[in-house]
């Protein structure tokens, strides 16, 4: 599903360059549940941006679902994001003036669809069918994150990327979200990659890829 080979990423900062990734290589098989961990400044957020086709590497190759995407232009990358990747962000990224249903349908529109049935099915999957008409301000933090998960699921992407999905939640709501994500992974056989700094959350995954100083420090299977 995912193959990174010798990925480097360099950002120009004034008259100097900042090398964030120093040759990252790993593969993730279709249907795996993987955590990417690392301290602040380790490069894990840059890895997420590359996996999500939000950025391109300075060098190296990235294949997603068999397609090389490292050298695609911005329009082509947007097409990959719309068709192949669902995102779940720490900040939820819901539009406050739209209902839960409209937020999920908006995600479908970006993928070239506008399907009421698919949107409602996704809200039902996350247990929010009865809250479809509520705006984000009328929902709890955990409910807002469930709407974001429904939005990611609605277009049925082969890959879901979750960036610190419990970062803005209390421990009870966070546990519920992790339980939901791991259950959805098991039931729907999706490829799910979670970026986290929390070892407890990472231990809910099948593998943990540790990033440090722009390199893969360790790649371990969870027992």
N, C-alpha and C. Protein backbone atom coordinates (compact mmCIF):
# COMPACT_ATOMS: atom_id res chain seq x y z
N UNK A 1 0.82 -1.21 0.00
CA UNK A 1 0.00 0.00 0.00
C UNK A 1 0.86 1.26 0.00
N UNK A 2 1.87 1.27 0.89
CA UNK A 2 2.77 2.41 0.99
C UNK A 2 4.21 1.92 0.90
N UNK A 3 5.01 2.61 0.10
CA UNK A 3 6.44 2.28 0.02
C UNK A 3 7.25 3.57 -0.09
N UNK A 4 8.00 3.86 0.94
CA UNK A 4 8.92 4.99 0.93
C UNK A 4 10.34 4.45 0.82
N UNK A 5 11.10 5.04 -0.10
CA UNK A 5 12.48 4.59 -0.28
C UNK A 5 13.42 5.78 -0.27
N UNK A 6 14.29 5.83 0.74
CA UNK A 6 15.37 6.81 0.84
C UNK A 6 14.85 8.25 0.69
N UNK A 7 13.80 8.56 1.44
CA UNK A 7 13.17 9.87 1.35
C UNK A 7 13.98 10.92 2.12
N UNK A 8 14.32 11.99 1.42
CA UNK A 8 14.92 13.16 2.06
C UNK A 8 14.01 14.36 1.83
N UNK A 9 13.97 15.24 2.83
CA UNK A 9 13.20 16.48 2.69
C UNK A 9 14.01 17.62 3.26
N UNK A 10 14.23 18.63 2.41
CA UNK A 10 15.01 19.81 2.78
C UNK A 10 14.15 21.05 2.55
N UNK A 11 14.09 21.91 3.56
CA UNK A 11 13.35 23.17 3.45
C UNK A 11 14.34 24.34 3.41
N UNK A 12 14.21 25.24 2.43
CA UNK A 12 15.06 26.43 2.44
C UNK A 12 14.59 27.41 3.50
N UNK A 13 15.50 27.90 4.29
CA UNK A 13 15.19 28.92 5.31
C UNK A 13 16.19 30.05 5.14
N UNK A 14 15.74 31.11 4.49
CA UNK A 14 16.63 32.22 4.20
C UNK A 14 17.78 31.75 3.32
N UNK A 15 19.02 31.97 3.77
CA UNK A 15 20.17 31.60 2.97
C UNK A 15 20.75 30.24 3.37
N UNK A 16 19.99 29.48 4.16
CA UNK A 16 20.45 28.15 4.54
C UNK A 16 19.36 27.12 4.27
N UNK A 17 19.68 25.87 4.50
CA UNK A 17 18.73 24.78 4.28
C UNK A 17 18.58 23.94 5.54
N UNK A 18 17.33 23.53 5.78
CA UNK A 18 17.04 22.69 6.93
C UNK A 18 16.66 21.30 6.43
N UNK A 19 17.49 20.32 6.75
CA UNK A 19 17.22 18.95 6.34
C UNK A 19 16.42 18.26 7.44
N UNK A 20 15.17 17.92 7.13
CA UNK A 20 14.26 17.35 8.12
C UNK A 20 14.24 15.83 8.07
N UNK A 21 14.28 15.28 6.86
CA UNK A 21 14.31 13.82 6.69
C UNK A 21 15.62 13.43 6.01
N UNK A 22 16.26 12.38 6.53
CA UNK A 22 17.61 12.04 6.12
C UNK A 22 17.75 10.69 5.43
N UNK A 23 16.69 10.26 4.76
CA UNK A 23 16.74 8.97 4.09
C UNK A 23 15.79 7.96 4.72
N UNK A 24 14.52 8.32 4.81
CA UNK A 24 13.51 7.49 5.45
C UNK A 24 13.02 6.43 4.46
N UNK A 25 13.01 5.19 4.92
CA UNK A 25 12.51 4.08 4.11
C UNK A 25 11.65 3.16 4.97
N UNK A 26 10.47 2.85 4.50
CA UNK A 26 9.64 1.81 5.13
C UNK A 26 8.49 1.46 4.19
N UNK A 27 7.88 0.31 4.44
CA UNK A 27 6.70 -0.10 3.69
C UNK A 27 5.57 -0.39 4.68
N UNK A 28 4.35 -0.18 4.23
CA UNK A 28 3.15 -0.51 4.98
C UNK A 28 2.25 -1.31 4.06
N UNK A 29 1.89 -2.50 4.49
CA UNK A 29 1.08 -3.38 3.67
C UNK A 29 -0.39 -2.97 3.71
N UNK A 30 -1.12 -3.35 2.68
CA UNK A 30 -2.55 -3.08 2.62
C UNK A 30 -3.23 -3.72 3.83
N UNK A 31 -4.07 -2.94 4.52
CA UNK A 31 -4.80 -3.45 5.66
C UNK A 31 -4.08 -3.37 6.99
N UNK A 32 -2.86 -2.85 7.02
CA UNK A 32 -2.13 -2.74 8.28
C UNK A 32 -2.61 -1.55 9.11
N UNK A 33 -2.41 -1.66 10.41
CA UNK A 33 -2.66 -0.58 11.36
C UNK A 33 -1.32 -0.21 11.99
N UNK A 34 -0.81 0.98 11.65
CA UNK A 34 0.55 1.36 11.99
C UNK A 34 0.57 2.70 12.71
N UNK A 35 1.36 2.80 13.75
CA UNK A 35 1.60 4.07 14.43
C UNK A 35 2.97 4.60 14.03
N UNK A 36 3.05 5.90 13.81
CA UNK A 36 4.33 6.58 13.59
C UNK A 36 4.55 7.49 14.79
N UNK A 37 5.63 7.23 15.51
CA UNK A 37 5.93 7.96 16.74
C UNK A 37 7.24 8.70 16.62
N UNK A 38 7.36 9.75 17.41
CA UNK A 38 8.62 10.48 17.48
C UNK A 38 8.47 11.73 18.30
N UNK A 39 9.53 12.21 18.90
CA UNK A 39 9.46 13.45 19.68
C UNK A 39 9.24 14.66 18.78
N UNK A 40 8.94 15.78 19.38
CA UNK A 40 8.78 17.02 18.62
C UNK A 40 10.07 17.31 17.85
N UNK A 41 9.93 17.64 16.57
CA UNK A 41 11.09 17.93 15.74
C UNK A 41 11.74 16.72 15.13
N UNK A 42 11.16 15.54 15.33
CA UNK A 42 11.77 14.31 14.81
C UNK A 42 11.59 14.12 13.31
N UNK A 43 10.56 14.78 12.77
CA UNK A 43 10.27 14.61 11.34
C UNK A 43 8.99 13.84 11.08
N UNK A 44 8.27 13.42 12.13
CA UNK A 44 7.07 12.61 11.92
C UNK A 44 5.96 13.40 11.22
N UNK A 45 5.84 14.69 11.51
CA UNK A 45 4.82 15.50 10.83
C UNK A 45 5.15 15.67 9.35
N UNK A 46 6.44 15.78 9.04
CA UNK A 46 6.86 15.86 7.64
C UNK A 46 6.54 14.55 6.93
N UNK A 47 6.76 13.42 7.61
CA UNK A 47 6.40 12.12 7.04
C UNK A 47 4.90 12.08 6.74
N UNK A 48 4.10 12.56 7.69
CA UNK A 48 2.64 12.60 7.47
C UNK A 48 2.29 13.42 6.24
N UNK A 49 2.89 14.59 6.10
CA UNK A 49 2.60 15.45 4.95
C UNK A 49 2.95 14.77 3.64
N UNK A 50 4.04 14.01 3.65
CA UNK A 50 4.43 13.29 2.43
C UNK A 50 3.48 12.13 2.17
N UNK A 51 3.14 11.36 3.20
CA UNK A 51 2.21 10.25 3.03
C UNK A 51 0.86 10.74 2.51
N UNK A 52 0.43 11.90 2.98
CA UNK A 52 -0.85 12.46 2.58
C UNK A 52 -0.83 13.24 1.30
N UNK A 53 0.31 13.24 0.60
CA UNK A 53 0.47 13.99 -0.65
C UNK A 53 0.17 15.47 -0.47
N UNK A 54 0.46 15.97 0.73
CA UNK A 54 0.37 17.40 1.00
C UNK A 54 1.69 18.10 0.68
N UNK A 55 2.73 17.31 0.46
CA UNK A 55 4.06 17.81 0.13
C UNK A 55 4.78 16.73 -0.66
N UNK A 56 5.88 17.07 -1.26
CA UNK A 56 6.66 16.11 -2.04
C UNK A 56 8.09 16.07 -1.48
N UNK A 57 8.75 14.92 -1.59
CA UNK A 57 10.11 14.83 -1.06
C UNK A 57 11.11 15.57 -1.93
N UNK A 58 12.23 15.96 -1.33
CA UNK A 58 13.33 16.54 -2.10
C UNK A 58 14.00 15.48 -2.96
N UNK A 59 14.11 14.28 -2.41
CA UNK A 59 14.65 13.15 -3.17
C UNK A 59 14.07 11.86 -2.58
N UNK A 60 14.22 10.78 -3.33
CA UNK A 60 13.65 9.51 -2.91
C UNK A 60 12.34 9.25 -3.63
N UNK A 61 11.74 8.11 -3.37
CA UNK A 61 10.50 7.74 -4.06
C UNK A 61 9.41 7.35 -3.07
N UNK A 62 8.17 7.62 -3.46
CA UNK A 62 7.01 7.27 -2.66
C UNK A 62 5.96 6.66 -3.57
N UNK A 63 5.61 5.42 -3.31
CA UNK A 63 4.54 4.74 -4.03
C UNK A 63 3.36 4.55 -3.08
N UNK A 64 2.17 4.88 -3.56
CA UNK A 64 0.95 4.62 -2.83
C UNK A 64 0.02 3.82 -3.72
N UNK A 65 -0.41 2.69 -3.21
CA UNK A 65 -1.30 1.81 -3.96
C UNK A 65 -0.72 1.49 -5.35
N UNK A 66 0.61 1.35 -5.40
CA UNK A 66 1.28 0.99 -6.64
C UNK A 66 1.65 2.15 -7.55
N UNK A 67 1.27 3.37 -7.19
CA UNK A 67 1.53 4.54 -8.04
C UNK A 67 2.63 5.40 -7.45
N UNK A 68 3.62 5.74 -8.25
CA UNK A 68 4.68 6.66 -7.84
C UNK A 68 4.13 8.08 -7.83
N UNK A 69 4.20 8.73 -6.67
CA UNK A 69 3.60 10.06 -6.54
C UNK A 69 4.61 11.14 -6.19
N UNK A 70 5.88 10.79 -6.08
CA UNK A 70 6.89 11.73 -5.60
C UNK A 70 7.05 12.95 -6.49
N UNK A 71 6.80 12.79 -7.78
CA UNK A 71 7.08 13.90 -8.71
C UNK A 71 5.81 14.43 -9.38
N UNK A 72 4.66 14.16 -8.79
CA UNK A 72 3.41 14.67 -9.36
C UNK A 72 3.27 16.17 -9.08
N UNK A 73 2.53 16.84 -9.95
CA UNK A 73 2.29 18.27 -9.72
C UNK A 73 1.13 18.45 -8.74
N UNK A 74 0.85 19.70 -8.37
CA UNK A 74 -0.13 19.97 -7.32
C UNK A 74 -1.53 19.47 -7.69
N UNK A 75 -1.90 19.60 -8.96
CA UNK A 75 -3.22 19.13 -9.39
C UNK A 75 -3.31 17.62 -9.28
N UNK A 76 -2.26 16.93 -9.69
CA UNK A 76 -2.24 15.47 -9.62
C UNK A 76 -2.23 14.98 -8.18
N UNK A 77 -1.50 15.69 -7.32
CA UNK A 77 -1.49 15.33 -5.91
C UNK A 77 -2.88 15.51 -5.28
N UNK A 78 -3.56 16.58 -5.66
CA UNK A 78 -4.92 16.82 -5.15
C UNK A 78 -5.85 15.69 -5.56
N UNK A 79 -5.67 15.19 -6.76
CA UNK A 79 -6.50 14.07 -7.24
C UNK A 79 -6.24 12.81 -6.40
N UNK A 80 -4.97 12.55 -6.08
CA UNK A 80 -4.63 11.39 -5.24
C UNK A 80 -5.26 11.55 -3.86
N UNK A 81 -5.14 12.73 -3.28
CA UNK A 81 -5.73 12.98 -1.95
C UNK A 81 -7.24 12.75 -1.97
N UNK A 82 -7.88 13.25 -3.01
CA UNK A 82 -9.34 13.15 -3.08
C UNK A 82 -9.80 11.71 -3.23
N UNK A 83 -9.06 10.91 -3.98
CA UNK A 83 -9.51 9.56 -4.31
C UNK A 83 -8.98 8.48 -3.37
N UNK A 84 -7.79 8.66 -2.85
CA UNK A 84 -7.13 7.54 -2.17
C UNK A 84 -6.90 7.73 -0.67
N UNK A 85 -7.07 8.96 -0.15
CA UNK A 85 -6.66 9.23 1.23
C UNK A 85 -7.77 9.92 2.00
N UNK A 86 -8.05 9.38 3.18
CA UNK A 86 -8.95 10.04 4.12
C UNK A 86 -8.13 10.59 5.28
N UNK A 87 -8.42 11.80 5.72
CA UNK A 87 -7.67 12.46 6.78
C UNK A 87 -8.52 12.63 8.04
N UNK A 88 -7.90 12.37 9.19
CA UNK A 88 -8.51 12.68 10.48
C UNK A 88 -7.50 13.53 11.24
N UNK A 89 -7.84 14.80 11.49
CA UNK A 89 -6.90 15.74 12.08
C UNK A 89 -7.18 15.96 13.56
N UNK A 90 -6.17 16.40 14.27
CA UNK A 90 -6.31 16.73 15.69
C UNK A 90 -7.34 17.83 15.90
N UNK A 91 -7.37 18.81 14.98
CA UNK A 91 -8.24 19.98 15.15
C UNK A 91 -9.63 19.78 14.56
N UNK A 92 -9.96 18.58 14.10
CA UNK A 92 -11.25 18.21 13.52
C UNK A 92 -11.45 18.81 12.12
N UNK A 93 -11.16 20.11 11.94
CA UNK A 93 -11.28 20.79 10.65
C UNK A 93 -12.69 20.68 10.06
N UNK A 94 -13.68 20.91 10.90
CA UNK A 94 -15.07 20.96 10.44
C UNK A 94 -15.47 22.41 10.21
N UNK A 95 -16.32 22.64 9.22
CA UNK A 95 -16.81 24.00 8.96
C UNK A 95 -17.94 24.31 9.94
N UNK A 96 -17.80 25.36 10.75
CA UNK A 96 -18.73 25.59 11.86
C UNK A 96 -20.16 25.90 11.45
N UNK A 97 -20.36 26.44 10.26
CA UNK A 97 -21.71 26.82 9.84
C UNK A 97 -22.46 25.68 9.17
N UNK A 98 -21.78 24.55 8.95
CA UNK A 98 -22.41 23.41 8.29
C UNK A 98 -22.78 22.34 9.31
N UNK A 99 -23.85 21.61 9.03
CA UNK A 99 -24.24 20.50 9.87
C UNK A 99 -23.24 19.36 9.75
N UNK A 100 -23.36 18.39 10.65
CA UNK A 100 -22.51 17.20 10.57
C UNK A 100 -22.65 16.54 9.21
N UNK A 101 -23.89 16.39 8.76
CA UNK A 101 -24.13 15.75 7.45
C UNK A 101 -23.50 16.55 6.32
N UNK A 102 -23.65 17.87 6.35
CA UNK A 102 -23.08 18.72 5.29
C UNK A 102 -21.56 18.66 5.30
N UNK A 103 -20.94 18.57 6.48
CA UNK A 103 -19.49 18.44 6.54
C UNK A 103 -19.02 17.14 5.91
N UNK A 104 -19.75 16.05 6.15
CA UNK A 104 -19.38 14.77 5.55
C UNK A 104 -19.60 14.81 4.04
N UNK A 105 -20.72 15.40 3.61
CA UNK A 105 -21.00 15.50 2.17
C UNK A 105 -19.95 16.37 1.47
N UNK A 106 -19.43 17.38 2.17
CA UNK A 106 -18.41 18.23 1.57
C UNK A 106 -17.16 17.42 1.25
N UNK A 107 -16.80 16.50 2.15
CA UNK A 107 -15.66 15.62 1.87
C UNK A 107 -15.89 14.78 0.63
N UNK A 108 -17.13 14.36 0.42
CA UNK A 108 -17.46 13.58 -0.78
C UNK A 108 -17.37 14.46 -2.03
N UNK A 109 -17.79 15.71 -1.92
CA UNK A 109 -17.73 16.62 -3.07
C UNK A 109 -16.29 16.81 -3.54
N UNK A 110 -15.36 16.91 -2.59
CA UNK A 110 -13.96 17.04 -2.96
C UNK A 110 -13.48 15.81 -3.72
N UNK A 111 -14.12 14.67 -3.48
CA UNK A 111 -13.74 13.43 -4.16
C UNK A 111 -14.53 13.24 -5.45
N UNK A 112 -15.31 14.26 -5.83
CA UNK A 112 -16.07 14.18 -7.08
C UNK A 112 -17.43 13.54 -6.93
N UNK A 113 -17.96 13.49 -5.70
CA UNK A 113 -19.27 12.89 -5.46
C UNK A 113 -20.05 13.78 -4.51
N UNK A 114 -21.37 13.57 -4.47
CA UNK A 114 -22.22 14.28 -3.51
C UNK A 114 -23.36 13.34 -3.18
N UNK A 115 -23.09 12.41 -2.31
CA UNK A 115 -23.96 11.27 -2.10
C UNK A 115 -24.54 11.31 -0.69
N UNK A 116 -25.82 11.67 -0.60
CA UNK A 116 -26.49 11.74 0.71
C UNK A 116 -26.45 10.38 1.41
N UNK A 117 -26.72 9.33 0.64
CA UNK A 117 -26.78 7.99 1.24
C UNK A 117 -25.43 7.60 1.85
N UNK A 118 -24.33 7.82 1.11
CA UNK A 118 -23.00 7.47 1.63
C UNK A 118 -22.66 8.29 2.86
N UNK A 119 -23.03 9.59 2.85
CA UNK A 119 -22.76 10.44 4.00
C UNK A 119 -23.51 9.96 5.23
N UNK A 120 -24.78 9.61 5.06
CA UNK A 120 -25.58 9.13 6.19
C UNK A 120 -25.08 7.77 6.68
N UNK A 121 -24.68 6.92 5.75
CA UNK A 121 -24.13 5.62 6.15
C UNK A 121 -22.88 5.80 7.01
N UNK A 122 -22.04 6.76 6.65
CA UNK A 122 -20.82 7.00 7.41
C UNK A 122 -21.14 7.55 8.80
N UNK A 123 -22.10 8.46 8.89
CA UNK A 123 -22.51 8.98 10.19
C UNK A 123 -23.12 7.87 11.04
N UNK A 124 -23.86 6.97 10.40
CA UNK A 124 -24.43 5.83 11.13
C UNK A 124 -23.31 4.92 11.65
N UNK A 125 -22.29 4.72 10.84
CA UNK A 125 -21.16 3.86 11.24
C UNK A 125 -20.48 4.37 12.50
N UNK A 126 -20.40 5.70 12.64
CA UNK A 126 -19.74 6.27 13.82
C UNK A 126 -20.74 6.63 14.92
N UNK A 127 -21.99 6.20 14.76
CA UNK A 127 -22.99 6.37 15.80
C UNK A 127 -23.59 7.76 15.92
N UNK A 128 -23.62 8.50 14.82
CA UNK A 128 -24.11 9.88 14.88
C UNK A 128 -25.24 10.17 13.91
N UNK A 129 -25.97 9.16 13.50
CA UNK A 129 -27.07 9.39 12.57
C UNK A 129 -28.09 10.36 13.16
N UNK A 130 -28.31 10.28 14.48
CA UNK A 130 -29.30 11.15 15.12
C UNK A 130 -28.78 12.56 15.36
N UNK A 131 -27.52 12.80 15.03
CA UNK A 131 -26.93 14.14 15.21
C UNK A 131 -26.57 14.77 13.86
N UNK A 132 -27.09 14.20 12.79
CA UNK A 132 -26.71 14.64 11.44
C UNK A 132 -27.00 16.11 11.19
N UNK A 133 -28.06 16.63 11.81
CA UNK A 133 -28.43 18.02 11.56
C UNK A 133 -27.78 19.02 12.49
N UNK A 134 -26.94 18.56 13.41
CA UNK A 134 -26.30 19.44 14.37
C UNK A 134 -25.00 20.04 13.81
N UNK A 135 -24.76 21.29 14.15
CA UNK A 135 -23.51 21.94 13.78
C UNK A 135 -22.41 21.57 14.78
N UNK A 136 -21.14 21.76 14.38
CA UNK A 136 -20.03 21.39 15.28
C UNK A 136 -20.13 22.00 16.67
N UNK A 137 -20.60 23.26 16.78
CA UNK A 137 -20.70 23.90 18.08
C UNK A 137 -21.74 23.25 18.98
N UNK A 138 -22.61 22.44 18.39
CA UNK A 138 -23.64 21.73 19.15
C UNK A 138 -23.22 20.30 19.51
N UNK A 139 -21.99 19.97 19.18
CA UNK A 139 -21.47 18.62 19.41
C UNK A 139 -20.30 18.68 20.39
N UNK A 140 -20.10 17.60 21.13
CA UNK A 140 -18.93 17.51 22.00
C UNK A 140 -17.68 17.30 21.17
N UNK A 141 -16.51 17.42 21.81
CA UNK A 141 -15.26 17.20 21.08
C UNK A 141 -15.19 15.80 20.50
N UNK A 142 -15.61 14.80 21.28
CA UNK A 142 -15.59 13.43 20.78
C UNK A 142 -16.53 13.24 19.61
N UNK A 143 -17.69 13.88 19.67
CA UNK A 143 -18.64 13.79 18.55
C UNK A 143 -18.09 14.49 17.31
N UNK A 144 -17.44 15.63 17.49
CA UNK A 144 -16.84 16.31 16.35
C UNK A 144 -15.78 15.43 15.68
N UNK A 145 -14.98 14.73 16.48
CA UNK A 145 -13.97 13.86 15.90
C UNK A 145 -14.62 12.69 15.17
N UNK A 146 -15.75 12.21 15.68
CA UNK A 146 -16.46 11.14 14.99
C UNK A 146 -17.01 11.62 13.64
N UNK A 147 -17.46 12.87 13.59
CA UNK A 147 -17.87 13.44 12.30
C UNK A 147 -16.69 13.47 11.34
N UNK A 148 -15.53 13.86 11.85
CA UNK A 148 -14.33 13.90 11.01
C UNK A 148 -13.97 12.50 10.51
N UNK A 149 -14.15 11.49 11.36
CA UNK A 149 -13.89 10.11 10.93
C UNK A 149 -14.90 9.70 9.87
N UNK A 150 -16.17 10.07 10.07
CA UNK A 150 -17.20 9.77 9.05
C UNK A 150 -16.87 10.42 7.72
N UNK A 151 -16.38 11.65 7.77
CA UNK A 151 -15.98 12.36 6.54
C UNK A 151 -14.85 11.61 5.82
N UNK A 152 -13.90 11.10 6.61
CA UNK A 152 -12.79 10.36 6.00
C UNK A 152 -13.26 9.04 5.40
N UNK A 153 -14.21 8.39 6.06
CA UNK A 153 -14.68 7.07 5.61
C UNK A 153 -15.61 7.14 4.42
N UNK A 154 -16.34 8.25 4.27
CA UNK A 154 -17.45 8.30 3.31
C UNK A 154 -17.04 7.99 1.88
N UNK A 155 -15.86 8.44 1.47
CA UNK A 155 -15.43 8.20 0.09
C UNK A 155 -14.74 6.86 -0.08
N UNK A 156 -14.69 6.08 1.01
CA UNK A 156 -14.12 4.73 0.99
C UNK A 156 -12.68 4.71 0.43
N UNK A 157 -11.79 5.50 1.03
CA UNK A 157 -10.41 5.53 0.54
C UNK A 157 -9.64 4.29 1.00
N UNK A 158 -8.63 3.86 0.26
CA UNK A 158 -7.83 2.72 0.70
C UNK A 158 -6.90 3.04 1.86
N UNK A 159 -6.65 4.34 2.12
CA UNK A 159 -5.73 4.75 3.18
C UNK A 159 -6.35 5.85 4.02
N UNK A 160 -6.27 5.71 5.34
CA UNK A 160 -6.68 6.77 6.26
C UNK A 160 -5.48 7.16 7.11
N UNK A 161 -5.22 8.47 7.18
CA UNK A 161 -4.15 9.03 8.00
C UNK A 161 -4.79 9.80 9.15
N UNK A 162 -4.43 9.44 10.37
CA UNK A 162 -4.96 10.10 11.55
C UNK A 162 -3.82 10.80 12.28
N UNK A 163 -3.88 12.13 12.34
CA UNK A 163 -2.82 12.93 12.94
C UNK A 163 -3.20 13.32 14.36
N UNK A 164 -2.57 12.67 15.36
CA UNK A 164 -2.87 12.93 16.77
C UNK A 164 -4.39 13.01 16.97
N UNK A 165 -5.13 11.95 16.63
CA UNK A 165 -6.60 12.04 16.61
C UNK A 165 -7.25 12.26 17.97
N UNK A 166 -6.50 12.06 19.06
CA UNK A 166 -7.06 12.29 20.39
C UNK A 166 -6.45 13.51 21.07
N UNK A 167 -5.66 14.28 20.34
CA UNK A 167 -4.90 15.37 20.95
C UNK A 167 -5.73 16.44 21.59
N UNK A 168 -6.97 16.67 21.10
CA UNK A 168 -7.83 17.72 21.65
C UNK A 168 -8.97 17.16 22.49
N UNK A 169 -8.84 15.90 22.93
CA UNK A 169 -9.92 15.25 23.65
C UNK A 169 -9.51 14.88 25.07
N UNK A 170 -10.49 14.78 25.96
CA UNK A 170 -10.21 14.26 27.30
C UNK A 170 -9.94 12.76 27.18
N UNK A 171 -9.44 12.16 28.25
CA UNK A 171 -8.99 10.77 28.16
C UNK A 171 -10.13 9.81 27.82
N UNK A 172 -11.32 10.03 28.36
CA UNK A 172 -12.46 9.14 28.07
C UNK A 172 -12.85 9.22 26.60
N UNK A 173 -13.00 10.44 26.08
CA UNK A 173 -13.35 10.61 24.66
C UNK A 173 -12.24 10.08 23.77
N UNK A 174 -10.99 10.31 24.19
CA UNK A 174 -9.86 9.81 23.41
C UNK A 174 -9.86 8.30 23.31
N UNK A 175 -10.13 7.63 24.42
CA UNK A 175 -10.19 6.18 24.41
C UNK A 175 -11.30 5.68 23.48
N UNK A 176 -12.43 6.40 23.48
CA UNK A 176 -13.55 6.01 22.61
C UNK A 176 -13.17 6.15 21.13
N UNK A 177 -12.44 7.21 20.81
CA UNK A 177 -12.04 7.43 19.42
C UNK A 177 -11.04 6.36 18.97
N UNK A 178 -10.07 6.03 19.81
CA UNK A 178 -9.10 4.99 19.45
C UNK A 178 -9.80 3.64 19.30
N UNK A 179 -10.74 3.34 20.20
CA UNK A 179 -11.50 2.11 20.09
C UNK A 179 -12.28 2.07 18.78
N UNK A 180 -12.87 3.21 18.41
CA UNK A 180 -13.63 3.27 17.15
C UNK A 180 -12.72 3.07 15.94
N UNK A 181 -11.57 3.74 15.94
CA UNK A 181 -10.66 3.62 14.81
C UNK A 181 -10.13 2.19 14.66
N UNK A 182 -9.76 1.57 15.76
CA UNK A 182 -9.23 0.20 15.67
C UNK A 182 -10.32 -0.79 15.27
N UNK A 183 -11.54 -0.55 15.73
CA UNK A 183 -12.66 -1.41 15.33
C UNK A 183 -12.96 -1.26 13.84
N UNK A 184 -12.99 -0.02 13.36
CA UNK A 184 -13.22 0.22 11.94
C UNK A 184 -12.13 -0.42 11.09
N UNK A 185 -10.89 -0.33 11.57
CA UNK A 185 -9.80 -0.97 10.84
C UNK A 185 -10.03 -2.47 10.73
N UNK A 186 -10.42 -3.09 11.82
CA UNK A 186 -10.63 -4.54 11.82
C UNK A 186 -11.82 -4.94 10.95
N UNK A 187 -12.89 -4.16 11.01
CA UNK A 187 -14.11 -4.52 10.29
C UNK A 187 -14.03 -4.22 8.80
N UNK A 188 -13.40 -3.10 8.44
CA UNK A 188 -13.40 -2.66 7.05
C UNK A 188 -12.09 -2.93 6.32
N UNK A 189 -11.11 -3.48 7.05
CA UNK A 189 -9.82 -3.85 6.43
C UNK A 189 -9.13 -2.67 5.77
N UNK A 190 -9.30 -1.48 6.34
CA UNK A 190 -8.65 -0.30 5.78
C UNK A 190 -7.19 -0.24 6.24
N UNK A 191 -6.38 0.44 5.47
CA UNK A 191 -5.01 0.74 5.89
C UNK A 191 -5.06 2.01 6.72
N UNK A 192 -4.63 1.94 7.96
CA UNK A 192 -4.75 3.06 8.88
C UNK A 192 -3.39 3.38 9.48
N UNK A 193 -2.97 4.63 9.32
CA UNK A 193 -1.70 5.10 9.89
C UNK A 193 -2.00 6.23 10.86
N UNK A 194 -1.56 6.07 12.10
CA UNK A 194 -1.78 7.08 13.13
C UNK A 194 -0.46 7.72 13.54
N UNK A 195 -0.43 9.04 13.50
CA UNK A 195 0.70 9.80 14.02
C UNK A 195 0.40 10.12 15.48
N UNK A 196 1.28 9.74 16.38
CA UNK A 196 1.01 9.97 17.80
C UNK A 196 2.31 10.10 18.57
N UNK A 197 2.22 10.78 19.70
CA UNK A 197 3.34 10.84 20.63
C UNK A 197 3.04 9.99 21.86
N UNK A 198 1.85 9.37 21.90
CA UNK A 198 1.38 8.65 23.08
C UNK A 198 1.66 7.15 22.93
N UNK A 199 2.58 6.60 23.73
CA UNK A 199 2.90 5.17 23.62
C UNK A 199 1.69 4.27 23.86
N UNK A 200 0.77 4.71 24.70
CA UNK A 200 -0.41 3.90 24.99
C UNK A 200 -1.28 3.73 23.75
N UNK A 201 -1.42 4.82 22.98
CA UNK A 201 -2.18 4.74 21.73
C UNK A 201 -1.43 3.90 20.71
N UNK A 202 -0.13 4.11 20.62
CA UNK A 202 0.67 3.36 19.65
C UNK A 202 0.56 1.86 19.88
N UNK A 203 0.44 1.45 21.14
CA UNK A 203 0.37 0.03 21.48
C UNK A 203 -0.95 -0.61 21.04
N UNK A 204 -1.90 0.20 20.60
CA UNK A 204 -3.15 -0.33 20.05
C UNK A 204 -2.98 -0.72 18.59
N UNK A 205 -1.84 -0.39 18.01
CA UNK A 205 -1.58 -0.67 16.60
C UNK A 205 -0.82 -1.99 16.44
N UNK A 206 -0.66 -2.42 15.20
CA UNK A 206 0.06 -3.66 14.91
C UNK A 206 1.56 -3.44 14.83
N UNK A 207 1.95 -2.25 14.41
CA UNK A 207 3.37 -1.89 14.29
C UNK A 207 3.57 -0.47 14.76
N UNK A 208 4.79 -0.20 15.22
CA UNK A 208 5.17 1.17 15.57
C UNK A 208 6.45 1.50 14.82
N UNK A 209 6.40 2.56 14.02
CA UNK A 209 7.60 3.07 13.35
C UNK A 209 8.07 4.29 14.13
N UNK A 210 9.25 4.19 14.70
CA UNK A 210 9.81 5.28 15.52
C UNK A 210 10.70 6.16 14.62
N UNK A 211 10.40 7.45 14.61
CA UNK A 211 11.17 8.43 13.85
C UNK A 211 11.98 9.29 14.82
N UNK A 212 13.26 9.44 14.55
CA UNK A 212 14.11 10.31 15.37
C UNK A 212 15.18 10.94 14.49
N UNK A 213 15.34 12.24 14.62
CA UNK A 213 16.36 12.98 13.85
C UNK A 213 16.26 12.70 12.36
N UNK A 214 15.01 12.62 11.87
CA UNK A 214 14.80 12.46 10.43
C UNK A 214 15.08 11.09 9.88
N UNK A 215 15.18 10.09 10.75
CA UNK A 215 15.46 8.71 10.32
C UNK A 215 14.53 7.74 11.04
N UNK A 216 14.34 6.57 10.45
CA UNK A 216 13.61 5.51 11.16
C UNK A 216 14.57 4.91 12.19
N UNK A 217 14.28 5.15 13.45
CA UNK A 217 15.12 4.65 14.53
C UNK A 217 14.83 3.17 14.82
N UNK A 218 13.55 2.82 14.75
CA UNK A 218 13.14 1.45 15.05
C UNK A 218 11.80 1.18 14.41
N UNK A 219 11.60 -0.05 13.95
CA UNK A 219 10.33 -0.50 13.37
C UNK A 219 9.97 -1.78 14.08
N UNK A 220 8.97 -1.72 14.97
CA UNK A 220 8.68 -2.88 15.81
C UNK A 220 7.24 -3.36 15.65
N UNK A 221 7.05 -4.65 15.74
CA UNK A 221 5.72 -5.24 15.78
C UNK A 221 5.22 -5.20 17.21
N UNK A 222 3.95 -4.93 17.39
CA UNK A 222 3.35 -4.90 18.71
C UNK A 222 2.86 -6.30 19.06
N UNK A 223 3.28 -6.79 20.19
CA UNK A 223 2.88 -8.14 20.61
C UNK A 223 1.46 -8.15 21.19
